PDB file of all heavy atoms in Angstrom:
ATOM      1  N   ILE A   1      33.650  32.078 145.943  1.00  0.00           N
ATOM      2  CA  ILE A   1      32.303  31.545 146.181  1.00  0.00           C
ATOM      3  C   ILE A   1      31.894  30.603 145.051  1.00  0.00           C
ATOM      4  O   ILE A   1      32.093  30.920 143.876  1.00  0.00           O
ATOM      5  CB  ILE A   1      31.273  32.687 146.254  1.00  0.00           C
ATOM      6  CG1 ILE A   1      31.659  33.721 147.313  1.00  0.00           C
ATOM      7  CG2 ILE A   1      29.875  32.138 146.524  1.00  0.00           C
ATOM      8  CD1 ILE A   1      30.857  35.005 147.216  1.00  0.00           C
ATOM      9  N   GLU A   2      31.308  29.474 145.414  1.00  0.00           N
ATOM     10  CA  GLU A   2      30.581  28.678 144.435  1.00  0.00           C
ATOM     11  C   GLU A   2      29.105  28.790 144.758  1.00  0.00           C
ATOM     12  O   GLU A   2      28.676  28.471 145.874  1.00  0.00           O
ATOM     13  CB  GLU A   2      30.991  27.203 144.438  1.00  0.00           C
ATOM     14  CG  GLU A   2      30.166  26.419 143.423  1.00  0.00           C
ATOM     15  CD  GLU A   2      30.510  24.940 143.316  1.00  0.00           C
ATOM     16  OE1 GLU A   2      31.608  24.552 143.760  1.00  0.00           O
ATOM     17  OE2 GLU A   2      29.668  24.183 142.794  1.00  0.00           O
ATOM     18  N   TYR A   3      28.318  29.275 143.781  1.00  0.00           N
ATOM     19  CA  TYR A   3      26.870  29.346 143.937  1.00  0.00           C
ATOM     20  C   TYR A   3      26.275  28.032 143.437  1.00  0.00           C
ATOM     21  O   TYR A   3      26.594  27.574 142.328  1.00  0.00           O
ATOM     22  CB  TYR A   3      26.296  30.516 143.137  1.00  0.00           C
ATOM     23  CG  TYR A   3      26.839  31.864 143.558  1.00  0.00           C
ATOM     24  CD1 TYR A   3      27.892  32.450 142.855  1.00  0.00           C
ATOM     25  CD2 TYR A   3      26.325  32.538 144.654  1.00  0.00           C
ATOM     26  CE1 TYR A   3      28.407  33.680 143.238  1.00  0.00           C
ATOM     27  CE2 TYR A   3      26.832  33.770 145.043  1.00  0.00           C
ATOM     28  CZ  TYR A   3      27.872  34.331 144.329  1.00  0.00           C
ATOM     29  OH  TYR A   3      28.388  35.557 144.706  1.00  0.00           O
ATOM     30  N   ALA A   4      25.430  27.420 144.245  1.00  0.00           N
ATOM     31  CA  ALA A   4      24.889  26.109 143.905  1.00  0.00           C
ATOM     32  C   ALA A   4      23.442  26.013 144.369  1.00  0.00           C
ATOM     33  O   ALA A   4      22.899  26.939 144.974  1.00  0.00           O
ATOM     34  CB  ALA A   4      25.742  25.016 144.546  1.00  0.00           C
ATOM     35  N   GLY A   5      22.819  24.885 144.080  1.00  0.00           N
ATOM     36  CA  GLY A   5      21.431  24.674 144.468  1.00  0.00           C
ATOM     37  C   GLY A   5      20.493  24.777 143.276  1.00  0.00           C
ATOM     38  O   GLY A   5      20.839  25.331 142.227  1.00  0.00           O
ATOM     39  N   SER A   6      19.294  24.265 143.442  1.00  0.00           N
ATOM     40  CA  SER A   6      18.347  24.196 142.326  1.00  0.00           C
ATOM     41  C   SER A   6      17.943  25.562 141.791  1.00  0.00           C
ATOM     42  O   SER A   6      17.722  25.726 140.586  1.00  0.00           O
ATOM     43  CB  SER A   6      17.107  23.408 142.759  1.00  0.00           C
ATOM     44  OG  SER A   6      16.521  23.969 143.924  1.00  0.00           O
ATOM     45  N   ALA A   7      17.846  26.567 142.668  1.00  0.00           N
ATOM     46  CA  ALA A   7      17.459  27.901 142.199  1.00  0.00           C
ATOM     47  C   ALA A   7      18.556  28.519 141.325  1.00  0.00           C
ATOM     48  O   ALA A   7      18.261  29.222 140.355  1.00  0.00           O
ATOM     49  CB  ALA A   7      17.164  28.815 143.387  1.00  0.00           C
ATOM     50  N   ILE A   8      19.801  28.253 141.654  1.00  0.00           N
ATOM     51  CA  ILE A   8      20.914  28.760 140.845  1.00  0.00           C
ATOM     52  C   ILE A   8      20.953  28.033 139.509  1.00  0.00           C
ATOM     53  O   ILE A   8      21.098  28.655 138.441  1.00  0.00           O
ATOM     54  CB  ILE A   8      22.252  28.578 141.596  1.00  0.00           C
ATOM     55  CG1 ILE A   8      22.262  29.404 142.891  1.00  0.00           C
ATOM     56  CG2 ILE A   8      23.427  28.961 140.698  1.00  0.00           C
ATOM     57  CD1 ILE A   8      22.189  30.901 142.703  1.00  0.00           C
ATOM     58  N   ARG A   9      20.788  26.710 139.549  1.00  0.00           N
ATOM     59  CA  ARG A   9      20.789  25.936 138.297  1.00  0.00           C
ATOM     60  C   ARG A   9      19.634  26.337 137.392  1.00  0.00           C
ATOM     61  O   ARG A   9      19.724  26.201 136.165  1.00  0.00           O
ATOM     62  CB  ARG A   9      20.709  24.438 138.594  1.00  0.00           C
ATOM     63  CG  ARG A   9      21.957  23.875 139.264  1.00  0.00           C
ATOM     64  CD  ARG A   9      21.955  22.343 139.261  1.00  0.00           C
ATOM     65  NE  ARG A   9      20.832  21.784 140.000  1.00  0.00           N
ATOM     66  CZ  ARG A   9      20.850  21.542 141.313  1.00  0.00           C
ATOM     67  NH1 ARG A   9      21.942  21.814 142.026  1.00  0.00           N
ATOM     68  NH2 ARG A   9      19.792  21.026 141.915  1.00  0.00           N
ATOM     69  N   GLY A  10      18.558  26.852 137.969  1.00  0.00           N
ATOM     70  CA  GLY A  10      17.405  27.254 137.179  1.00  0.00           C
ATOM     71  C   GLY A  10      17.535  28.621 136.524  1.00  0.00           C
ATOM     72  O   GLY A  10      16.684  28.999 135.713  1.00  0.00           O
ATOM     73  N   LEU A  11      18.600  29.361 136.854  1.00  0.00           N
ATOM     74  CA  LEU A  11      18.783  30.693 136.267  1.00  0.00           C
ATOM     75  C   LEU A  11      19.266  30.604 134.820  1.00  0.00           C
ATOM     76  O   LEU A  11      20.007  29.685 134.458  1.00  0.00           O
ATOM     77  CB  LEU A  11      19.815  31.494 137.073  1.00  0.00           C
ATOM     78  CG  LEU A  11      19.451  31.881 138.509  1.00  0.00           C
ATOM     79  CD1 LEU A  11      20.652  32.548 139.177  1.00  0.00           C
ATOM     80  CD2 LEU A  11      18.242  32.813 138.540  1.00  0.00           C
ATOM     81  N   SER A  12      18.869  31.570 134.017  1.00  0.00           N
ATOM     82  CA  SER A  12      19.428  31.697 132.672  1.00  0.00           C
ATOM     83  C   SER A  12      20.896  32.095 132.781  1.00  0.00           C
ATOM     84  O   SER A  12      21.376  32.470 133.856  1.00  0.00           O
ATOM     85  CB  SER A  12      18.668  32.773 131.892  1.00  0.00           C
ATOM     86  OG  SER A  12      18.925  34.055 132.478  1.00  0.00           O
ATOM     87  N   MET A  13      21.611  32.044 131.664  1.00  0.00           N
ATOM     88  CA  MET A  13      23.010  32.462 131.714  1.00  0.00           C
ATOM     89  C   MET A  13      23.119  33.940 132.087  1.00  0.00           C
ATOM     90  O   MET A  13      24.024  34.335 132.830  1.00  0.00           O
ATOM     91  CB  MET A  13      23.693  32.195 130.369  1.00  0.00           C
ATOM     92  CG  MET A  13      25.196  32.417 130.403  1.00  0.00           C
ATOM     93  SD  MET A  13      26.045  31.479 131.710  1.00  0.00           S
ATOM     94  CE  MET A  13      25.670  29.805 131.218  1.00  0.00           C
ATOM     95  N   GLU A  14      22.186  34.774 131.604  1.00  0.00           N
ATOM     96  CA  GLU A  14      22.208  36.184 131.974  1.00  0.00           C
ATOM     97  C   GLU A  14      22.016  36.358 133.479  1.00  0.00           C
ATOM     98  O   GLU A  14      22.659  37.192 134.109  1.00  0.00           O
ATOM     99  CB  GLU A  14      21.140  36.956 131.200  1.00  0.00           C
ATOM    100  CG  GLU A  14      21.461  37.199 129.739  1.00  0.00           C
ATOM    101  CD  GLU A  14      21.315  35.954 128.879  1.00  0.00           C
ATOM    102  OE1 GLU A  14      20.651  34.984 129.325  1.00  0.00           O
ATOM    103  OE2 GLU A  14      21.871  35.940 127.767  1.00  0.00           O
ATOM    104  N   GLY A  15      21.127  35.559 134.056  1.00  0.00           N
ATOM    105  CA  GLY A  15      20.924  35.605 135.499  1.00  0.00           C
ATOM    106  C   GLY A  15      22.166  35.172 136.252  1.00  0.00           C
ATOM    107  O   GLY A  15      22.540  35.766 137.273  1.00  0.00           O
ATOM    108  N   ARG A  16      22.831  34.158 135.765  1.00  0.00           N
ATOM    109  CA  ARG A  16      24.055  33.681 136.404  1.00  0.00           C
ATOM    110  C   ARG A  16      25.163  34.733 136.329  1.00  0.00           C
ATOM    111  O   ARG A  16      25.935  34.911 137.282  1.00  0.00           O
ATOM    112  CB  ARG A  16      24.517  32.379 135.740  1.00  0.00           C
ATOM    113  CG  ARG A  16      23.534  31.229 135.892  1.00  0.00           C
ATOM    114  CD  ARG A  16      24.026  29.978 135.182  1.00  0.00           C
ATOM    115  NE  ARG A  16      23.023  28.904 135.239  1.00  0.00           N
ATOM    116  CZ  ARG A  16      23.281  27.634 134.949  1.00  0.00           C
ATOM    117  NH1 ARG A  16      24.498  27.273 134.569  1.00  0.00           N
ATOM    118  NH2 ARG A  16      22.330  26.725 135.017  1.00  0.00           N
ATOM    119  N   LEU A  17      25.239  35.427 135.208  1.00  0.00           N
ATOM    120  CA  LEU A  17      26.224  36.506 135.062  1.00  0.00           C
ATOM    121  C   LEU A  17      25.971  37.600 136.099  1.00  0.00           C
ATOM    122  O   LEU A  17      26.903  38.154 136.681  1.00  0.00           O
ATOM    123  CB  LEU A  17      26.165  37.089 133.642  1.00  0.00           C
ATOM    124  CG  LEU A  17      26.705  36.180 132.528  1.00  0.00           C
ATOM    125  CD1 LEU A  17      26.198  36.648 131.167  1.00  0.00           C
ATOM    126  CD2 LEU A  17      28.225  36.151 132.533  1.00  0.00           C
ATOM    127  N   THR A  18      24.704  37.900 136.351  1.00  0.00           N
ATOM    128  CA  THR A  18      24.342  38.909 137.344  1.00  0.00           C
ATOM    129  C   THR A  18      24.808  38.497 138.735  1.00  0.00           C
ATOM    130  O   THR A  18      25.407  39.288 139.474  1.00  0.00           O
ATOM    131  CB  THR A  18      22.817  39.127 137.348  1.00  0.00           C
ATOM    132  OG1 THR A  18      22.415  39.651 136.088  1.00  0.00           O
ATOM    133  CG2 THR A  18      22.392  40.080 138.444  1.00  0.00           C
ATOM    134  N   VAL A  19      24.536  37.253 139.110  1.00  0.00           N
ATOM    135  CA  VAL A  19      24.906  36.758 140.441  1.00  0.00           C
ATOM    136  C   VAL A  19      26.419  36.796 140.619  1.00  0.00           C
ATOM    137  O   VAL A  19      26.939  37.318 141.619  1.00  0.00           O
ATOM    138  CB  VAL A  19      24.366  35.332 140.659  1.00  0.00           C
ATOM    139  CG1 VAL A  19      24.974  34.707 141.906  1.00  0.00           C
ATOM    140  CG2 VAL A  19      22.849  35.358 140.776  1.00  0.00           C
ATOM    141  N   CYS A  20      27.157  36.252 139.656  1.00  0.00           N
ATOM    142  CA  CYS A  20      28.618  36.194 139.788  1.00  0.00           C
ATOM    143  C   CYS A  20      29.242  37.581 139.759  1.00  0.00           C
ATOM    144  O   CYS A  20      30.230  37.839 140.455  1.00  0.00           O
ATOM    145  CB  CYS A  20      29.207  35.311 138.684  1.00  0.00           C
ATOM    146  SG  CYS A  20      28.848  33.559 138.918  1.00  0.00           S
ATOM    147  N   ASN A  21      28.671  38.487 138.987  1.00  0.00           N
ATOM    148  CA  ASN A  21      29.173  39.859 138.934  1.00  0.00           C
ATOM    149  C   ASN A  21      29.247  40.482 140.313  1.00  0.00           C
ATOM    150  O   ASN A  21      30.228  41.138 140.671  1.00  0.00           O
ATOM    151  CB  ASN A  21      28.259  40.688 138.020  1.00  0.00           C
ATOM    152  CG  ASN A  21      28.620  42.155 137.991  1.00  0.00           C
ATOM    153  OD1 ASN A  21      28.315  42.896 138.923  1.00  0.00           O
ATOM    154  ND2 ASN A  21      29.276  42.584 136.925  1.00  0.00           N
ATOM    155  N   MET A  22      28.210  40.253 141.135  1.00  0.00           N
ATOM    156  CA  MET A  22      28.123  40.928 142.422  1.00  0.00           C
ATOM    157  C   MET A  22      28.799  40.169 143.562  1.00  0.00           C
ATOM    158  O   MET A  22      28.649  40.545 144.725  1.00  0.00           O
ATOM    159  CB  MET A  22      26.661  41.226 142.751  1.00  0.00           C
ATOM    160  CG  MET A  22      26.100  42.334 141.867  1.00  0.00           C
ATOM    161  SD  MET A  22      24.503  42.948 142.429  1.00  0.00           S
ATOM    162  CE  MET A  22      24.924  43.690 143.995  1.00  0.00           C
ATOM    163  N   SER A  23      29.571  39.135 143.228  1.00  0.00           N
ATOM    164  CA  SER A  23      30.359  38.450 144.260  1.00  0.00           C
ATOM    165  C   SER A  23      31.271  39.434 144.980  1.00  0.00           C
ATOM    166  O   SER A  23      31.546  39.290 146.174  1.00  0.00           O
ATOM    167  CB  SER A  23      31.209  37.346 143.621  1.00  0.00           C
ATOM    168  OG  SER A  23      30.407  36.400 142.963  1.00  0.00           O
ATOM    169  N   ILE A  24      31.751  40.422 144.252  1.00  0.00           N
ATOM    170  CA  ILE A  24      32.659  41.412 144.821  1.00  0.00           C
ATOM    171  C   ILE A  24      31.941  42.246 145.878  1.00  0.00           C
ATOM    172  O   ILE A  24      32.533  42.654 146.886  1.00  0.00           O
ATOM    173  CB  ILE A  24      33.223  42.327 143.709  1.00  0.00           C
ATOM    174  CG1 ILE A  24      33.846  41.476 142.600  1.00  0.00           C
ATOM    175  CG2 ILE A  24      34.223  43.319 144.257  1.00  0.00           C
ATOM    176  CD1 ILE A  24      34.851  40.450 143.069  1.00  0.00           C
ATOM    177  N   GLU A  25      30.643  42.510 145.670  1.00  0.00           N
ATOM    178  CA  GLU A  25      29.872  43.275 146.654  1.00  0.00           C
ATOM    179  C   GLU A  25      29.660  42.491 147.949  1.00  0.00           C
ATOM    180  O   GLU A  25      29.239  43.068 148.959  1.00  0.00           O
ATOM    181  CB  GLU A  25      28.527  43.697 146.063  1.00  0.00           C
ATOM    182  CG  GLU A  25      28.534  45.037 145.369  1.00  0.00           C
ATOM    183  CD  GLU A  25      29.449  45.077 144.154  1.00  0.00           C
ATOM    184  OE1 GLU A  25      29.322  44.220 143.274  1.00  0.00           O
ATOM    185  OE2 GLU A  25      30.310  45.973 144.099  1.00  0.00           O
ATOM    186  N   ALA A  26      29.923  41.195 147.915  1.00  0.00           N
ATOM    187  CA  ALA A  26      29.878  40.389 149.136  1.00  0.00           C
ATOM    188  C   ALA A  26      31.273  40.220 149.730  1.00  0.00           C
ATOM    189  O   ALA A  26      31.435  39.491 150.710  1.00  0.00           O
ATOM    190  CB  ALA A  26      29.273  39.017 148.836  1.00  0.00           C
ATOM    191  N   GLY A  27      32.266  40.868 149.121  1.00  0.00           N
ATOM    192  CA  GLY A  27      33.629  40.782 149.619  1.00  0.00           C
ATOM    193  C   GLY A  27      34.425  39.632 149.050  1.00  0.00           C
ATOM    194  O   GLY A  27      35.596  39.444 149.407  1.00  0.00           O
ATOM    195  N   GLY A  28      33.821  38.828 148.152  1.00  0.00           N
ATOM    196  CA  GLY A  28      34.496  37.652 147.620  1.00  0.00           C
ATOM    197  C   GLY A  28      35.599  38.000 146.637  1.00  0.00           C
ATOM    198  O   GLY A  28      35.571  39.049 145.998  1.00  0.00           O
ATOM    199  N   ARG A  29      36.555  37.097 146.529  1.00  0.00           N
ATOM    200  CA  ARG A  29      37.622  37.251 145.536  1.00  0.00           C
ATOM    201  C   ARG A  29      37.098  36.941 144.149  1.00  0.00           C
ATOM    202  O   ARG A  29      37.491  37.553 143.163  1.00  0.00           O
ATOM    203  CB  ARG A  29      38.785  36.305 145.891  1.00  0.00           C
ATOM    204  CG  ARG A  29      39.962  36.340 144.937  1.00  0.00           C
ATOM    205  CD  ARG A  29      40.627  37.698 144.954  1.00  0.00           C
ATOM    206  NE  ARG A  29      41.890  37.702 144.232  1.00  0.00           N
ATOM    207  CZ  ARG A  29      42.333  38.719 143.504  1.00  0.00           C
ATOM    208  NH1 ARG A  29      41.588  39.822 143.390  1.00  0.00           N
ATOM    209  NH2 ARG A  29      43.499  38.668 142.896  1.00  0.00           N
ATOM    210  N   ALA A  30      36.217  35.955 144.072  1.00  0.00           N
ATOM    211  CA  ALA A  30      35.605  35.545 142.810  1.00  0.00           C
ATOM    212  C   ALA A  30      34.343  34.770 143.133  1.00  0.00           C
ATOM    213  O   ALA A  30      34.117  34.377 144.282  1.00  0.00           O
ATOM    214  CB  ALA A  30      36.571  34.694 141.988  1.00  0.00           C
TER     215      ALA A  30
END
């Protein structure tokens, strides 16, 4: 998955780490 869009770009690095961490809970490889 690539997360994109203005709301994603507006996240802090900690917020981005949270989103990418849970990619697995959506079934994604990464």
